[in-house]
């Protein structure tokens, strides 16, 4: 388990790049729309700081799960957390 064909890895990187390209601009545009004009720089800085602060522990936890239990558990945990986040967004209409 764990061997992935190099061609598939390139395909996955392309799809991830497309996903990132389609979503990053939308997130920043949404922030610019909901924040008053004079506070947009602060809002963008705060947004990027929060993304960075959240990414560090998420990466550490994912790395721990991967090394301790394997990639299936790491990806399964990430999937469950993403589904819970989506449900919470629907419930609270965010």
C-alpha atoms as a PDB file:
ATOM      1  CA  UNK A   1       0.000   0.000   0.000  1.00  0.00           C
ATOM      2  CA  UNK A   2       1.225   3.486  -0.634  1.00  0.00           C
ATOM      3  CA  UNK A   3       2.672   3.136  -4.128  1.00  0.00           C
ATOM      4  CA  UNK A   4       1.025   5.567  -6.520  1.00  0.00           C
ATOM      5  CA  UNK A   5       1.724   5.789 -10.209  1.00  0.00           C
ATOM      6  CA  UNK A   6       3.640   8.992 -10.985  1.00  0.00           C
ATOM      7  CA  UNK A   7       1.247   9.855 -13.826  1.00  0.00           C
ATOM      8  CA  UNK A   8      -1.688   9.847 -11.400  1.00  0.00           C
ATOM      9  CA  UNK A   9       0.192  12.142  -9.067  1.00  0.00           C
ATOM     10  CA  UNK A  10       0.582  14.696 -11.887  1.00  0.00           C
ATOM     11  CA  UNK A  11      -3.116  14.424 -12.716  1.00  0.00           C
ATOM     12  CA  UNK A  12      -4.017  14.993  -9.058  1.00  0.00           C
ATOM     13  CA  UNK A  13      -1.685  18.001  -8.856  1.00  0.00           C
ATOM     14  CA  UNK A  14      -3.341  19.503 -11.924  1.00  0.00           C
ATOM     15  CA  UNK A  15      -6.817  19.073 -10.427  1.00  0.00           C
ATOM     16  CA  UNK A  16      -5.687  20.516  -7.110  1.00  0.00           C
ATOM     17  CA  UNK A  17      -4.155  23.476  -8.913  1.00  0.00           C
ATOM     18  CA  UNK A  18      -7.408  24.085 -10.777  1.00  0.00           C
ATOM     19  CA  UNK A  19      -9.413  23.840  -7.555  1.00  0.00           C
ATOM     20  CA  UNK A  20      -7.086  26.299  -5.839  1.00  0.00           C
ATOM     21  CA  UNK A  21      -7.183  28.694  -8.779  1.00  0.00           C
ATOM     22  CA  UNK A  22     -10.979  28.679  -8.853  1.00  0.00           C
ATOM     23  CA  UNK A  23     -11.501  29.141  -5.099  1.00  0.00           C
ATOM     24  CA  UNK A  24      -8.753  31.446  -3.842  1.00  0.00           C
ATOM     25  CA  UNK A  25      -9.884  34.507  -5.791  1.00  0.00           C
ATOM     26  CA  UNK A  26     -13.498  33.986  -4.812  1.00  0.00           C
ATOM     27  CA  UNK A  27     -12.622  33.877  -1.109  1.00  0.00           C
ATOM     28  CA  UNK A  28     -10.685  37.123  -1.298  1.00  0.00           C
ATOM     29  CA  UNK A  29     -13.377  38.826  -3.370  1.00  0.00           C
ATOM     30  CA  UNK A  30     -15.998  37.790  -0.803  1.00  0.00           C
ATOM     31  CA  UNK A  31     -13.923  39.298   1.997  1.00  0.00           C
ATOM     32  CA  UNK A  32     -13.508  42.517   0.009  1.00  0.00           C
ATOM     33  CA  UNK A  33     -17.285  42.657  -0.520  1.00  0.00           C
ATOM     34  CA  UNK A  34     -18.279  42.238   3.136  1.00  0.00           C
ATOM     35  CA  UNK A  35     -15.663  44.535   4.710  1.00  0.00           C
ATOM     36  CA  UNK A  36     -15.856  48.354   4.637  1.00  0.00           C
ATOM     37  CA  UNK A  37     -13.522  49.925   2.084  1.00  0.00           C
ATOM     38  CA  UNK A  38     -11.157  51.452   4.653  1.00  0.00           C
ATOM     39  CA  UNK A  39     -10.572  48.121   6.421  1.00  0.00           C
ATOM     40  CA  UNK A  40      -9.928  45.809   3.465  1.00  0.00           C
ATOM     41  CA  UNK A  41      -6.172  45.610   3.978  1.00  0.00           C
ATOM     42  CA  UNK A  42      -6.609  44.675   7.630  1.00  0.00           C
ATOM     43  CA  UNK A  43      -9.276  42.127   6.709  1.00  0.00           C
ATOM     44  CA  UNK A  44      -7.071  40.501   4.058  1.00  0.00           C
ATOM     45  CA  UNK A  45      -4.136  40.362   6.464  1.00  0.00           C
ATOM     46  CA  UNK A  46      -6.300  38.871   9.192  1.00  0.00           C
ATOM     47  CA  UNK A  47      -7.757  36.314   6.779  1.00  0.00           C
ATOM     48  CA  UNK A  48      -4.322  35.203   5.563  1.00  0.00           C
ATOM     49  CA  UNK A  49      -2.994  35.069   9.139  1.00  0.00           C
ATOM     50  CA  UNK A  50      -5.906  32.864  10.228  1.00  0.00           C
ATOM     51  CA  UNK A  51      -5.400  30.544   7.262  1.00  0.00           C
ATOM     52  CA  UNK A  52      -1.719  30.220   8.158  1.00  0.00           C
ATOM     53  CA  UNK A  53      -2.419  29.686  11.855  1.00  0.00           C
ATOM     54  CA  UNK A  54      -4.977  26.987  11.050  1.00  0.00           C
ATOM     55  CA  UNK A  55      -2.760  25.279   8.468  1.00  0.00           C
ATOM     56  CA  UNK A  56       0.123  24.631  10.861  1.00  0.00           C
ATOM     57  CA  UNK A  57      -1.707  22.440  13.412  1.00  0.00           C
ATOM     58  CA  UNK A  58      -3.725  20.801  10.631  1.00  0.00           C
ATOM     59  CA  UNK A  59      -0.515  19.795   8.871  1.00  0.00           C
ATOM     60  CA  UNK A  60       1.053  18.545  12.091  1.00  0.00           C
ATOM     61  CA  UNK A  61      -2.007  16.451  12.953  1.00  0.00           C
ATOM     62  CA  UNK A  62      -2.254  15.055   9.419  1.00  0.00           C
ATOM     63  CA  UNK A  63       1.444  14.160   9.454  1.00  0.00           C
ATOM     64  CA  UNK A  64       1.070  12.442  12.819  1.00  0.00           C
ATOM     65  CA  UNK A  65      -1.941  10.446  11.616  1.00  0.00           C
ATOM     66  CA  UNK A  66      -0.131   9.489   8.397  1.00  0.00           C
ATOM     67  CA  UNK A  67       3.018   8.284  10.158  1.00  0.00           C
ATOM     68  CA  UNK A  68       1.199   6.560  13.013  1.00  0.00           C
ATOM     69  CA  UNK A  69      -1.827   4.998  11.288  1.00  0.00           C
ATOM     70  CA  UNK A  70      -1.185   5.394   7.561  1.00  0.00           C
ATOM     71  CA  UNK A  71      -2.602   7.466   4.704  1.00  0.00           C
ATOM     72  CA  UNK A  72      -6.081   5.911   4.837  1.00  0.00           C
ATOM     73  CA  UNK A  73      -6.702   7.194   8.359  1.00  0.00           C
ATOM     74  CA  UNK A  74      -5.179  10.596   7.577  1.00  0.00           C
ATOM     75  CA  UNK A  75      -7.389  11.114   4.522  1.00  0.00           C
ATOM     76  CA  UNK A  76     -10.460   9.612   6.212  1.00  0.00           C
ATOM     77  CA  UNK A  77     -10.082  11.964   9.167  1.00  0.00           C
ATOM     78  CA  UNK A  78      -9.688  14.926   6.804  1.00  0.00           C
ATOM     79  CA  UNK A  79     -12.794  13.858   4.888  1.00  0.00           C
ATOM     80  CA  UNK A  80     -14.878  13.508   8.051  1.00  0.00           C
ATOM     81  CA  UNK A  81     -13.780  16.939   9.285  1.00  0.00           C
ATOM     82  CA  UNK A  82     -14.597  18.496   5.878  1.00  0.00           C
ATOM     83  CA  UNK A  83     -18.076  16.910   5.892  1.00  0.00           C
ATOM     84  CA  UNK A  84     -18.719  18.148   9.430  1.00  0.00           C
ATOM     85  CA  UNK A  85     -17.579  21.648   8.450  1.00  0.00           C
ATOM     86  CA  UNK A  86     -19.914  21.619   5.437  1.00  0.00           C
ATOM     87  CA  UNK A  87     -22.834  20.496   7.618  1.00  0.00           C
ATOM     88  CA  UNK A  88     -22.111  23.234  10.147  1.00  0.00           C
ATOM     89  CA  UNK A  89     -22.000  25.803   7.352  1.00  0.00           C
ATOM     90  CA  UNK A  90     -25.401  24.605   6.136  1.00  0.00           C
ATOM     91  CA  UNK A  91     -26.870  24.584   9.644  1.00  0.00           C
ATOM     92  CA  UNK A  92     -25.600  28.058  10.542  1.00  0.00           C
ATOM     93  CA  UNK A  93     -26.062  29.415   6.980  1.00  0.00           C
ATOM     94  CA  UNK A  94     -22.537  30.730   6.665  1.00  0.00           C
END
